[in-house]
């Protein structure tokens, strides 16, 4: 076998292996999503996770990173299921949480949410705090930053784009809330996620 032929064969073999690993990760993503939804993960959040991993799988072109990604997918779904499943909330609070997760890319107010859910803002705020331990505004910030963390670590979107995707009107405001929730800036979080440091 000539040197050129050997090179072409080796390159083709690597590309085939890369595609095989990507397909395995795509299957794991689908299976993990299905299991997580059965385990009680809110559908909206589940599909956010699934879409983020789908992008990351296709953007990853290192065999070692794809092998690690398989474990990351299952661990991430398990972590979210453990957090969200089994919570005993009232119906109005569950509806409010679904509304929040569905509108993470928008500016959410208690008034708009209570109107959409056909309830009183004061009643909604009181029940929500009682059920979750968080004021509605605190919970919204918490979920927006969770989504931002996922987008920072799993997608190539810029930090400014992520600020917009999570409903912040400016990067400055986004960075301020992000640091309050995580004790680090978005840039620091991305740097840590790229090096595998949590």
N, C-alpha and C. Protein backbone atom coordinates (compact mmCIF):
# COMPACT_ATOMS: atom_id res chain seq x y z
N UNK A 1 0.85 -1.19 0.00
CA UNK A 1 0.00 0.00 0.00
C UNK A 1 0.88 1.24 0.00
N UNK A 2 0.68 2.17 -0.96
CA UNK A 2 1.50 3.37 -1.06
C UNK A 2 1.19 4.32 0.09
N UNK A 3 2.10 5.31 0.26
CA UNK A 3 1.90 6.27 1.34
C UNK A 3 0.62 7.06 1.19
N UNK A 4 0.31 7.50 -0.06
CA UNK A 4 -0.92 8.27 -0.30
C UNK A 4 -2.16 7.44 -0.01
N UNK A 5 -2.13 6.18 -0.46
CA UNK A 5 -3.27 5.29 -0.24
C UNK A 5 -3.48 5.05 1.25
N UNK A 6 -2.36 4.85 1.98
CA UNK A 6 -2.43 4.63 3.43
C UNK A 6 -3.04 5.84 4.13
N UNK A 7 -2.64 7.04 3.69
CA UNK A 7 -3.15 8.28 4.29
C UNK A 7 -4.66 8.41 4.07
N UNK A 8 -5.07 8.14 2.81
CA UNK A 8 -6.50 8.24 2.49
C UNK A 8 -7.30 7.22 3.30
N UNK A 9 -6.78 6.00 3.41
CA UNK A 9 -7.47 4.95 4.17
C UNK A 9 -7.58 5.33 5.64
N UNK A 10 -6.48 5.84 6.21
CA UNK A 10 -6.47 6.22 7.63
C UNK A 10 -7.44 7.36 7.89
N UNK A 11 -7.44 8.36 6.98
CA UNK A 11 -8.34 9.51 7.14
C UNK A 11 -9.80 9.08 7.04
N UNK A 12 -10.08 8.21 6.04
CA UNK A 12 -11.45 7.73 5.86
C UNK A 12 -11.90 6.91 7.07
N UNK A 13 -11.00 6.11 7.62
CA UNK A 13 -11.31 5.29 8.79
C UNK A 13 -11.63 6.17 9.99
N UNK A 14 -10.87 7.27 10.16
CA UNK A 14 -11.10 8.18 11.27
C UNK A 14 -12.45 8.87 11.12
N UNK A 15 -12.76 9.31 9.89
CA UNK A 15 -14.04 9.98 9.64
C UNK A 15 -15.20 9.03 9.93
N UNK A 16 -15.07 7.76 9.50
CA UNK A 16 -16.12 6.78 9.75
C UNK A 16 -16.30 6.53 11.25
N UNK A 17 -15.18 6.45 11.97
CA UNK A 17 -15.24 6.24 13.43
C UNK A 17 -15.88 7.44 14.10
N UNK A 18 -15.53 8.64 13.62
CA UNK A 18 -16.10 9.88 14.16
C UNK A 18 -17.62 9.89 13.98
N UNK A 19 -18.09 9.53 12.78
CA UNK A 19 -19.52 9.50 12.49
C UNK A 19 -20.22 8.45 13.35
N UNK A 20 -19.57 7.31 13.54
CA UNK A 20 -20.15 6.25 14.37
C UNK A 20 -20.34 6.73 15.81
N UNK A 21 -19.31 7.40 16.35
CA UNK A 21 -19.40 7.91 17.72
C UNK A 21 -20.47 9.01 17.83
N UNK A 22 -20.57 9.85 16.82
CA UNK A 22 -21.62 10.88 16.84
C UNK A 22 -23.00 10.24 16.83
N UNK A 23 -23.16 9.22 16.01
CA UNK A 23 -24.46 8.53 15.94
C UNK A 23 -24.80 7.84 17.26
N UNK A 24 -23.79 7.29 17.93
CA UNK A 24 -24.00 6.66 19.24
C UNK A 24 -24.44 7.71 20.27
N UNK A 25 -23.80 8.88 20.22
CA UNK A 25 -24.17 9.96 21.14
C UNK A 25 -25.57 10.49 20.85
N UNK A 26 -25.92 10.55 19.58
CA UNK A 26 -27.29 10.98 19.20
C UNK A 26 -28.31 10.00 19.76
N UNK A 27 -28.01 8.72 19.65
CA UNK A 27 -28.91 7.69 20.20
C UNK A 27 -29.01 7.80 21.71
N UNK A 28 -27.85 8.01 22.37
CA UNK A 28 -27.85 8.15 23.83
C UNK A 28 -28.64 9.38 24.25
N UNK A 29 -28.53 10.46 23.50
CA UNK A 29 -29.28 11.68 23.79
C UNK A 29 -30.78 11.42 23.72
N UNK A 30 -31.21 10.71 22.67
CA UNK A 30 -32.64 10.39 22.50
C UNK A 30 -33.15 9.48 23.60
N UNK A 31 -32.37 8.44 23.92
CA UNK A 31 -32.78 7.50 24.96
C UNK A 31 -32.81 8.16 26.33
N UNK A 32 -31.82 9.01 26.60
CA UNK A 32 -31.76 9.71 27.89
C UNK A 32 -32.92 10.68 28.03
N UNK A 33 -33.26 11.37 26.94
CA UNK A 33 -34.40 12.29 26.98
C UNK A 33 -35.68 11.52 27.29
N UNK A 34 -35.88 10.40 26.61
CA UNK A 34 -37.10 9.60 26.82
C UNK A 34 -37.19 9.14 28.27
N UNK A 35 -36.07 8.64 28.80
CA UNK A 35 -36.05 8.15 30.18
C UNK A 35 -36.28 9.30 31.17
N UNK A 36 -35.68 10.46 30.88
CA UNK A 36 -35.81 11.60 31.79
C UNK A 36 -37.25 12.10 31.83
N UNK A 37 -37.91 12.15 30.68
CA UNK A 37 -39.31 12.59 30.64
C UNK A 37 -40.20 11.62 31.41
N UNK A 38 -39.93 10.32 31.28
CA UNK A 38 -40.68 9.33 32.06
C UNK A 38 -40.40 9.49 33.55
N UNK A 39 -39.19 9.95 33.87
CA UNK A 39 -38.80 10.13 35.26
C UNK A 39 -39.30 11.41 35.89
N UNK A 40 -40.00 12.24 35.11
CA UNK A 40 -40.61 13.44 35.68
C UNK A 40 -39.98 14.75 35.28
N UNK A 41 -39.00 14.73 34.37
CA UNK A 41 -38.39 15.98 33.93
C UNK A 41 -39.40 16.76 33.08
N UNK A 42 -39.57 18.06 33.34
CA UNK A 42 -40.50 18.85 32.52
C UNK A 42 -40.13 18.78 31.04
N UNK A 43 -41.13 18.61 30.19
CA UNK A 43 -40.88 18.44 28.76
C UNK A 43 -40.07 19.59 28.17
N UNK A 44 -40.40 20.80 28.55
CA UNK A 44 -39.74 21.97 27.99
C UNK A 44 -38.25 21.92 28.28
N UNK A 45 -37.89 21.63 29.52
CA UNK A 45 -36.49 21.55 29.90
C UNK A 45 -35.81 20.39 29.19
N UNK A 46 -36.52 19.26 29.10
CA UNK A 46 -35.96 18.09 28.43
C UNK A 46 -35.57 18.39 27.00
N UNK A 47 -36.44 19.09 26.29
CA UNK A 47 -36.16 19.40 24.88
C UNK A 47 -35.07 20.46 24.75
N UNK A 48 -34.97 21.36 25.73
CA UNK A 48 -33.84 22.30 25.75
C UNK A 48 -32.52 21.53 25.86
N UNK A 49 -32.47 20.58 26.79
CA UNK A 49 -31.26 19.77 26.97
C UNK A 49 -30.93 18.99 25.71
N UNK A 50 -31.95 18.36 25.14
CA UNK A 50 -31.76 17.54 23.96
C UNK A 50 -31.20 18.36 22.79
N UNK A 51 -31.77 19.54 22.58
CA UNK A 51 -31.30 20.40 21.48
C UNK A 51 -29.87 20.86 21.71
N UNK A 52 -29.55 21.22 22.95
CA UNK A 52 -28.19 21.68 23.26
C UNK A 52 -27.17 20.57 23.01
N UNK A 53 -27.50 19.34 23.42
CA UNK A 53 -26.59 18.22 23.20
C UNK A 53 -26.48 17.88 21.71
N UNK A 54 -27.58 18.01 20.97
CA UNK A 54 -27.54 17.72 19.53
C UNK A 54 -26.55 18.65 18.83
N UNK A 55 -26.57 19.93 19.22
CA UNK A 55 -25.62 20.89 18.64
C UNK A 55 -24.20 20.54 19.03
N UNK A 56 -24.00 20.22 20.31
CA UNK A 56 -22.64 19.92 20.79
C UNK A 56 -22.08 18.67 20.11
N UNK A 57 -22.92 17.66 19.91
CA UNK A 57 -22.46 16.43 19.25
C UNK A 57 -21.93 16.73 17.85
N UNK A 58 -22.69 17.51 17.09
CA UNK A 58 -22.28 17.81 15.72
C UNK A 58 -21.08 18.74 15.65
N UNK A 59 -20.90 19.58 16.68
CA UNK A 59 -19.78 20.52 16.70
C UNK A 59 -18.48 19.87 17.18
N UNK A 60 -18.59 18.71 17.82
CA UNK A 60 -17.41 18.03 18.37
C UNK A 60 -16.78 17.13 17.33
N UNK A 61 -15.48 17.31 17.10
CA UNK A 61 -14.79 16.53 16.08
C UNK A 61 -13.55 15.81 16.61
N UNK A 62 -13.45 15.71 17.93
CA UNK A 62 -12.37 14.95 18.55
C UNK A 62 -12.94 13.65 19.12
N UNK A 63 -12.31 12.53 18.76
CA UNK A 63 -12.81 11.23 19.21
C UNK A 63 -12.86 11.14 20.73
N UNK A 64 -11.82 11.63 21.40
CA UNK A 64 -11.77 11.54 22.86
C UNK A 64 -12.89 12.35 23.50
N UNK A 65 -13.19 13.52 22.93
CA UNK A 65 -14.26 14.36 23.47
C UNK A 65 -15.63 13.72 23.26
N UNK A 66 -15.82 13.07 22.13
CA UNK A 66 -17.09 12.38 21.87
C UNK A 66 -17.29 11.22 22.83
N UNK A 67 -16.21 10.52 23.15
CA UNK A 67 -16.31 9.41 24.11
C UNK A 67 -16.70 9.92 25.49
N UNK A 68 -16.13 11.06 25.87
CA UNK A 68 -16.46 11.67 27.16
C UNK A 68 -17.89 12.21 27.15
N UNK A 69 -18.33 12.71 26.00
CA UNK A 69 -19.66 13.30 25.88
C UNK A 69 -20.76 12.30 26.17
N UNK A 70 -20.53 11.04 25.82
CA UNK A 70 -21.53 10.00 26.09
C UNK A 70 -21.87 9.94 27.57
N UNK A 71 -20.84 9.98 28.43
CA UNK A 71 -21.06 9.97 29.88
C UNK A 71 -21.70 11.27 30.35
N UNK A 72 -21.26 12.38 29.76
CA UNK A 72 -21.78 13.69 30.15
C UNK A 72 -23.28 13.79 29.90
N UNK A 73 -23.73 13.23 28.79
CA UNK A 73 -25.16 13.26 28.44
C UNK A 73 -25.98 12.57 29.52
N UNK A 74 -25.62 11.34 29.87
CA UNK A 74 -26.40 10.59 30.86
C UNK A 74 -26.33 11.25 32.24
N UNK A 75 -25.14 11.73 32.62
CA UNK A 75 -24.98 12.37 33.94
C UNK A 75 -25.82 13.64 34.04
N UNK A 76 -25.87 14.41 32.96
CA UNK A 76 -26.62 15.67 32.98
C UNK A 76 -28.12 15.41 33.10
N UNK A 77 -28.64 14.48 32.31
CA UNK A 77 -30.07 14.15 32.41
C UNK A 77 -30.40 13.64 33.81
N UNK A 78 -29.56 12.78 34.36
CA UNK A 78 -29.80 12.23 35.71
C UNK A 78 -29.82 13.34 36.75
N UNK A 79 -28.90 14.28 36.62
CA UNK A 79 -28.84 15.38 37.58
C UNK A 79 -30.11 16.23 37.54
N UNK A 80 -30.59 16.52 36.34
CA UNK A 80 -31.81 17.32 36.22
C UNK A 80 -33.04 16.56 36.70
N UNK A 81 -33.11 15.26 36.42
CA UNK A 81 -34.24 14.47 36.89
C UNK A 81 -34.27 14.46 38.42
N UNK A 82 -33.11 14.28 39.04
CA UNK A 82 -33.04 14.27 40.50
C UNK A 82 -33.52 15.58 41.09
N UNK A 83 -33.26 16.67 40.37
CA UNK A 83 -33.66 17.98 40.88
C UNK A 83 -35.14 18.27 40.71
N UNK A 84 -35.71 17.86 39.57
CA UNK A 84 -37.07 18.26 39.24
C UNK A 84 -38.13 17.21 39.56
N UNK A 85 -37.76 15.95 39.52
CA UNK A 85 -38.76 14.89 39.70
C UNK A 85 -39.17 14.75 41.16
N UNK A 86 -40.38 14.36 41.35
CA UNK A 86 -40.85 14.02 42.70
C UNK A 86 -41.21 15.21 43.57
N UNK A 87 -41.14 16.42 43.03
CA UNK A 87 -41.50 17.58 43.84
C UNK A 87 -43.02 17.66 43.97
N UNK A 88 -43.47 17.91 45.18
CA UNK A 88 -44.90 17.97 45.46
C UNK A 88 -45.37 19.42 45.45
N UNK A 89 -45.69 19.93 44.27
CA UNK A 89 -46.15 21.31 44.14
C UNK A 89 -47.64 21.33 43.83
N UNK A 90 -48.27 22.44 44.19
CA UNK A 90 -49.67 22.64 43.83
C UNK A 90 -49.79 22.80 42.32
N UNK A 91 -51.00 22.62 41.82
CA UNK A 91 -51.22 22.69 40.37
C UNK A 91 -50.82 24.05 39.81
N UNK A 92 -51.14 25.12 40.52
CA UNK A 92 -50.83 26.46 40.01
C UNK A 92 -49.33 26.69 39.95
N UNK A 93 -48.59 26.13 40.91
CA UNK A 93 -47.13 26.29 40.90
C UNK A 93 -46.51 25.49 39.77
N UNK A 94 -47.03 24.29 39.53
CA UNK A 94 -46.52 23.49 38.40
C UNK A 94 -46.76 24.20 37.08
N UNK A 95 -47.95 24.81 36.95
CA UNK A 95 -48.25 25.55 35.73
C UNK A 95 -47.32 26.76 35.58
N UNK A 96 -47.04 27.40 36.72
CA UNK A 96 -46.14 28.57 36.70
C UNK A 96 -44.73 28.16 36.30
N UNK A 97 -44.25 27.02 36.82
CA UNK A 97 -42.92 26.54 36.47
C UNK A 97 -42.85 26.21 34.98
N UNK A 98 -43.89 25.56 34.46
CA UNK A 98 -43.94 25.26 33.02
C UNK A 98 -43.91 26.56 32.21
N UNK A 99 -44.65 27.55 32.67
CA UNK A 99 -44.68 28.84 31.96
C UNK A 99 -43.29 29.47 31.95
N UNK A 100 -42.63 29.44 33.10
CA UNK A 100 -41.29 30.03 33.20
C UNK A 100 -40.31 29.32 32.26
N UNK A 101 -40.33 27.99 32.28
CA UNK A 101 -39.41 27.23 31.43
C UNK A 101 -39.69 27.46 29.95
N UNK A 102 -40.95 27.68 29.61
CA UNK A 102 -41.33 27.91 28.22
C UNK A 102 -40.93 29.31 27.75
N UNK A 103 -40.80 30.25 28.69
CA UNK A 103 -40.54 31.65 28.32
C UNK A 103 -39.19 32.16 28.84
N UNK A 104 -38.22 31.28 28.97
CA UNK A 104 -36.91 31.69 29.47
C UNK A 104 -36.23 32.71 28.57
N UNK A 105 -36.58 32.73 27.30
CA UNK A 105 -35.95 33.68 26.38
C UNK A 105 -36.63 35.05 26.41
N UNK A 106 -37.63 35.20 27.26
CA UNK A 106 -38.38 36.47 27.34
C UNK A 106 -38.23 37.10 28.72
N UNK A 107 -38.61 38.36 28.82
CA UNK A 107 -38.71 39.01 30.12
C UNK A 107 -40.03 38.59 30.74
N UNK A 108 -39.98 37.95 31.90
CA UNK A 108 -41.19 37.39 32.53
C UNK A 108 -41.57 38.23 33.75
N UNK A 109 -42.84 38.61 33.83
CA UNK A 109 -43.34 39.30 35.01
C UNK A 109 -44.44 38.45 35.65
N UNK A 110 -44.64 38.65 36.95
CA UNK A 110 -45.68 37.92 37.67
C UNK A 110 -47.05 38.27 37.10
N UNK A 111 -47.23 39.54 36.73
CA UNK A 111 -48.53 39.98 36.20
C UNK A 111 -48.85 39.26 34.89
N UNK A 112 -47.90 39.21 33.97
CA UNK A 112 -48.12 38.54 32.68
C UNK A 112 -48.37 37.05 32.90
N UNK A 113 -47.61 36.46 33.81
CA UNK A 113 -47.76 35.04 34.07
C UNK A 113 -49.11 34.73 34.72
N UNK A 114 -49.51 35.53 35.68
CA UNK A 114 -50.80 35.29 36.35
C UNK A 114 -51.96 35.50 35.38
N UNK A 115 -51.83 36.47 34.47
CA UNK A 115 -52.87 36.67 33.45
C UNK A 115 -52.96 35.44 32.54
N UNK A 116 -51.81 34.91 32.14
CA UNK A 116 -51.79 33.74 31.26
C UNK A 116 -52.36 32.51 31.95
N UNK A 117 -52.22 32.45 33.27
CA UNK A 117 -52.69 31.29 34.03
C UNK A 117 -54.06 31.55 34.67
N UNK A 118 -54.64 32.72 34.37
CA UNK A 118 -55.98 33.07 34.88
C UNK A 118 -56.06 32.99 36.41
N UNK A 119 -55.09 33.64 37.05
CA UNK A 119 -55.10 33.66 38.51
C UNK A 119 -54.66 35.04 38.99
N UNK A 120 -54.74 35.24 40.29
CA UNK A 120 -54.39 36.52 40.90
C UNK A 120 -52.88 36.58 41.17
N UNK A 121 -52.21 37.70 40.84
CA UNK A 121 -50.76 37.79 41.06
C UNK A 121 -50.33 37.54 42.51
N UNK A 122 -51.09 38.08 43.44
CA UNK A 122 -50.74 37.91 44.86
C UNK A 122 -50.87 36.46 45.29
N UNK A 123 -51.96 35.81 44.85
CA UNK A 123 -52.17 34.40 45.18
C UNK A 123 -51.06 33.54 44.56
N UNK A 124 -50.73 33.82 43.30
CA UNK A 124 -49.69 33.05 42.63
C UNK A 124 -48.35 33.21 43.34
N UNK A 125 -48.01 34.43 43.69
CA UNK A 125 -46.73 34.69 44.37
C UNK A 125 -46.66 33.96 45.71
N UNK A 126 -47.77 34.00 46.45
CA UNK A 126 -47.82 33.38 47.77
C UNK A 126 -47.69 31.86 47.67
N UNK A 127 -48.45 31.24 46.75
CA UNK A 127 -48.40 29.79 46.58
C UNK A 127 -47.04 29.33 46.06
N UNK A 128 -46.49 30.11 45.16
CA UNK A 128 -45.21 29.75 44.56
C UNK A 128 -44.11 29.74 45.63
N UNK A 129 -44.08 30.76 46.45
CA UNK A 129 -43.09 30.86 47.52
C UNK A 129 -43.26 29.71 48.51
N UNK A 130 -44.50 29.40 48.83
CA UNK A 130 -44.80 28.33 49.77
C UNK A 130 -44.34 26.98 49.23
N UNK A 131 -44.57 26.74 47.95
CA UNK A 131 -44.24 25.45 47.34
C UNK A 131 -42.76 25.28 47.05
N UNK A 132 -42.10 26.34 46.59
CA UNK A 132 -40.71 26.20 46.12
C UNK A 132 -39.67 26.76 47.06
N UNK A 133 -40.10 27.66 47.96
CA UNK A 133 -39.14 28.31 48.83
C UNK A 133 -38.49 29.54 48.18
N UNK A 134 -38.89 29.83 46.94
CA UNK A 134 -38.34 30.97 46.21
C UNK A 134 -39.45 31.96 45.85
N UNK A 135 -39.11 33.25 45.86
CA UNK A 135 -39.99 34.23 45.26
C UNK A 135 -39.98 33.98 43.76
N UNK A 136 -41.06 34.36 43.07
CA UNK A 136 -41.14 34.10 41.63
C UNK A 136 -39.94 34.69 40.90
N UNK A 137 -39.58 35.93 41.22
CA UNK A 137 -38.46 36.60 40.54
C UNK A 137 -37.14 35.85 40.78
N UNK A 138 -36.95 35.34 42.00
CA UNK A 138 -35.74 34.58 42.31
C UNK A 138 -35.69 33.29 41.50
N UNK A 139 -36.83 32.62 41.39
CA UNK A 139 -36.88 31.36 40.65
C UNK A 139 -36.62 31.61 39.16
N UNK A 140 -37.17 32.68 38.63
CA UNK A 140 -36.96 33.01 37.22
C UNK A 140 -35.47 33.24 36.95
N UNK A 141 -34.82 34.03 37.81
CA UNK A 141 -33.38 34.29 37.64
C UNK A 141 -32.59 32.99 37.72
N UNK A 142 -32.96 32.15 38.68
CA UNK A 142 -32.27 30.86 38.87
C UNK A 142 -32.37 30.00 37.61
N UNK A 143 -33.58 29.92 37.03
CA UNK A 143 -33.77 29.08 35.86
C UNK A 143 -33.12 29.68 34.61
N UNK A 144 -33.14 30.99 34.49
CA UNK A 144 -32.47 31.63 33.37
C UNK A 144 -30.96 31.36 33.41
N UNK A 145 -30.39 31.41 34.59
CA UNK A 145 -28.95 31.18 34.70
C UNK A 145 -28.62 29.70 34.50
N UNK A 146 -29.49 28.81 34.93
CA UNK A 146 -29.30 27.38 34.63
C UNK A 146 -29.26 27.16 33.12
N UNK A 147 -30.20 27.78 32.42
CA UNK A 147 -30.24 27.67 30.97
C UNK A 147 -28.99 28.28 30.34
N UNK A 148 -28.58 29.41 30.88
CA UNK A 148 -27.37 30.07 30.37
C UNK A 148 -26.14 29.18 30.56
N UNK A 149 -26.04 28.55 31.72
CA UNK A 149 -24.90 27.65 31.98
C UNK A 149 -24.87 26.51 30.98
N UNK A 150 -26.05 25.98 30.68
CA UNK A 150 -26.14 24.89 29.70
C UNK A 150 -25.68 25.38 28.33
N UNK A 151 -26.15 26.56 27.93
CA UNK A 151 -25.79 27.10 26.62
C UNK A 151 -24.30 27.45 26.55
N UNK A 152 -23.76 27.95 27.65
CA UNK A 152 -22.33 28.30 27.68
C UNK A 152 -21.46 27.06 27.52
N UNK A 153 -21.83 26.00 28.22
CA UNK A 153 -20.97 24.81 28.22
C UNK A 153 -21.24 23.86 27.07
N UNK A 154 -22.45 23.91 26.48
CA UNK A 154 -22.81 22.91 25.47
C UNK A 154 -22.98 23.45 24.05
N UNK A 155 -22.92 24.78 23.85
CA UNK A 155 -23.10 25.32 22.51
C UNK A 155 -22.01 26.34 22.20
N UNK A 156 -21.79 26.63 20.92
CA UNK A 156 -20.78 27.62 20.55
C UNK A 156 -21.30 29.06 20.55
N UNK A 157 -22.51 29.28 21.00
CA UNK A 157 -23.09 30.63 21.01
C UNK A 157 -22.21 31.59 21.80
N UNK A 158 -22.14 32.85 21.36
CA UNK A 158 -21.36 33.84 22.09
C UNK A 158 -22.10 34.19 23.38
N UNK A 159 -21.38 34.78 24.33
CA UNK A 159 -21.99 35.14 25.61
C UNK A 159 -23.06 36.21 25.42
N UNK A 160 -22.85 37.11 24.48
CA UNK A 160 -23.86 38.13 24.20
C UNK A 160 -25.12 37.49 23.61
N UNK A 161 -24.94 36.53 22.72
CA UNK A 161 -26.09 35.81 22.17
C UNK A 161 -26.84 35.07 23.27
N UNK A 162 -26.11 34.45 24.18
CA UNK A 162 -26.72 33.70 25.28
C UNK A 162 -27.50 34.63 26.21
N UNK A 163 -26.98 35.84 26.42
CA UNK A 163 -27.72 36.83 27.22
C UNK A 163 -29.08 37.09 26.60
N UNK A 164 -29.12 37.24 25.27
CA UNK A 164 -30.38 37.47 24.57
C UNK A 164 -31.28 36.25 24.59
N UNK A 165 -30.68 35.07 24.43
CA UNK A 165 -31.46 33.83 24.42
C UNK A 165 -32.11 33.53 25.76
N UNK A 166 -31.57 34.10 26.82
CA UNK A 166 -32.14 33.87 28.15
C UNK A 166 -32.92 35.09 28.66
N UNK A 167 -33.27 35.99 27.73
CA UNK A 167 -34.20 37.06 28.07
C UNK A 167 -33.64 38.27 28.77
N UNK A 168 -32.32 38.47 28.74
CA UNK A 168 -31.74 39.66 29.37
C UNK A 168 -31.62 40.76 28.33
N UNK A 169 -31.90 42.00 28.76
CA UNK A 169 -31.90 43.12 27.81
C UNK A 169 -30.51 43.68 27.53
N UNK A 170 -29.51 43.22 28.30
CA UNK A 170 -28.13 43.65 28.05
C UNK A 170 -27.18 42.61 28.61
N UNK A 171 -25.97 42.57 28.04
CA UNK A 171 -24.97 41.64 28.54
C UNK A 171 -24.56 42.02 29.96
N UNK A 172 -24.52 43.33 30.24
CA UNK A 172 -24.12 43.80 31.57
C UNK A 172 -25.05 43.25 32.65
N UNK A 173 -26.36 43.33 32.39
CA UNK A 173 -27.34 42.83 33.35
C UNK A 173 -27.22 41.31 33.48
N UNK A 174 -27.05 40.64 32.36
CA UNK A 174 -26.86 39.18 32.36
C UNK A 174 -25.66 38.79 33.21
N UNK A 175 -24.52 39.46 32.98
CA UNK A 175 -23.29 39.12 33.70
C UNK A 175 -23.45 39.36 35.21
N UNK A 176 -24.19 40.42 35.57
CA UNK A 176 -24.42 40.74 36.98
C UNK A 176 -25.23 39.65 37.67
N UNK A 177 -26.32 39.21 37.02
CA UNK A 177 -27.17 38.16 37.60
C UNK A 177 -26.42 36.83 37.60
N UNK A 178 -25.68 36.57 36.54
CA UNK A 178 -24.93 35.32 36.44
C UNK A 178 -23.91 35.21 37.59
N UNK A 179 -23.20 36.29 37.84
CA UNK A 179 -22.20 36.26 38.92
C UNK A 179 -22.86 36.11 40.29
N UNK A 180 -24.02 36.74 40.45
CA UNK A 180 -24.74 36.62 41.72
C UNK A 180 -25.15 35.17 41.98
N UNK A 181 -25.58 34.47 40.92
CA UNK A 181 -26.05 33.09 41.06
C UNK A 181 -24.91 32.07 41.15
N UNK A 182 -23.80 32.33 40.45
CA UNK A 182 -22.75 31.31 40.33
C UNK A 182 -21.43 31.68 41.00
N UNK A 183 -21.28 32.94 41.44
CA UNK A 183 -20.04 33.44 42.03
C UNK A 183 -18.90 33.52 41.03
N UNK A 184 -19.23 33.53 39.73
CA UNK A 184 -18.21 33.73 38.70
C UNK A 184 -18.86 34.41 37.50
N UNK A 185 -18.02 35.01 36.65
CA UNK A 185 -18.55 35.67 35.47
C UNK A 185 -18.84 34.63 34.38
N UNK A 186 -19.67 35.00 33.39
CA UNK A 186 -19.90 34.06 32.28
C UNK A 186 -18.60 33.64 31.59
N UNK A 187 -17.67 34.57 31.43
CA UNK A 187 -16.38 34.24 30.79
C UNK A 187 -15.62 33.21 31.61
N UNK A 188 -15.61 33.39 32.92
CA UNK A 188 -14.93 32.43 33.80
C UNK A 188 -15.60 31.06 33.72
N UNK A 189 -16.93 31.06 33.66
CA UNK A 189 -17.65 29.78 33.59
C UNK A 189 -17.34 29.06 32.28
N UNK A 190 -17.32 29.80 31.18
CA UNK A 190 -16.98 29.16 29.89
C UNK A 190 -15.56 28.61 29.91
N UNK A 191 -14.64 29.37 30.48
CA UNK A 191 -13.25 28.91 30.54
C UNK A 191 -13.15 27.62 31.36
N UNK A 192 -13.87 27.57 32.46
CA UNK A 192 -13.85 26.37 33.30
C UNK A 192 -14.50 25.18 32.60
N UNK A 193 -15.60 25.46 31.90
CA UNK A 193 -16.29 24.36 31.20
C UNK A 193 -15.44 23.80 30.08
N UNK A 194 -14.64 24.65 29.43
CA UNK A 194 -13.77 24.18 28.36
C UNK A 194 -12.62 23.34 28.89
N UNK A 195 -12.20 23.61 30.14
CA UNK A 195 -11.11 22.83 30.72
C UNK A 195 -11.59 21.67 31.58
N UNK A 196 -12.94 21.53 31.67
CA UNK A 196 -13.49 20.41 32.43
C UNK A 196 -13.54 20.63 33.91
N UNK A 197 -13.34 21.90 34.36
CA UNK A 197 -13.38 22.22 35.79
C UNK A 197 -14.77 22.71 36.14
N UNK A 198 -15.39 22.08 37.15
CA UNK A 198 -16.72 22.53 37.58
C UNK A 198 -16.60 23.58 38.67
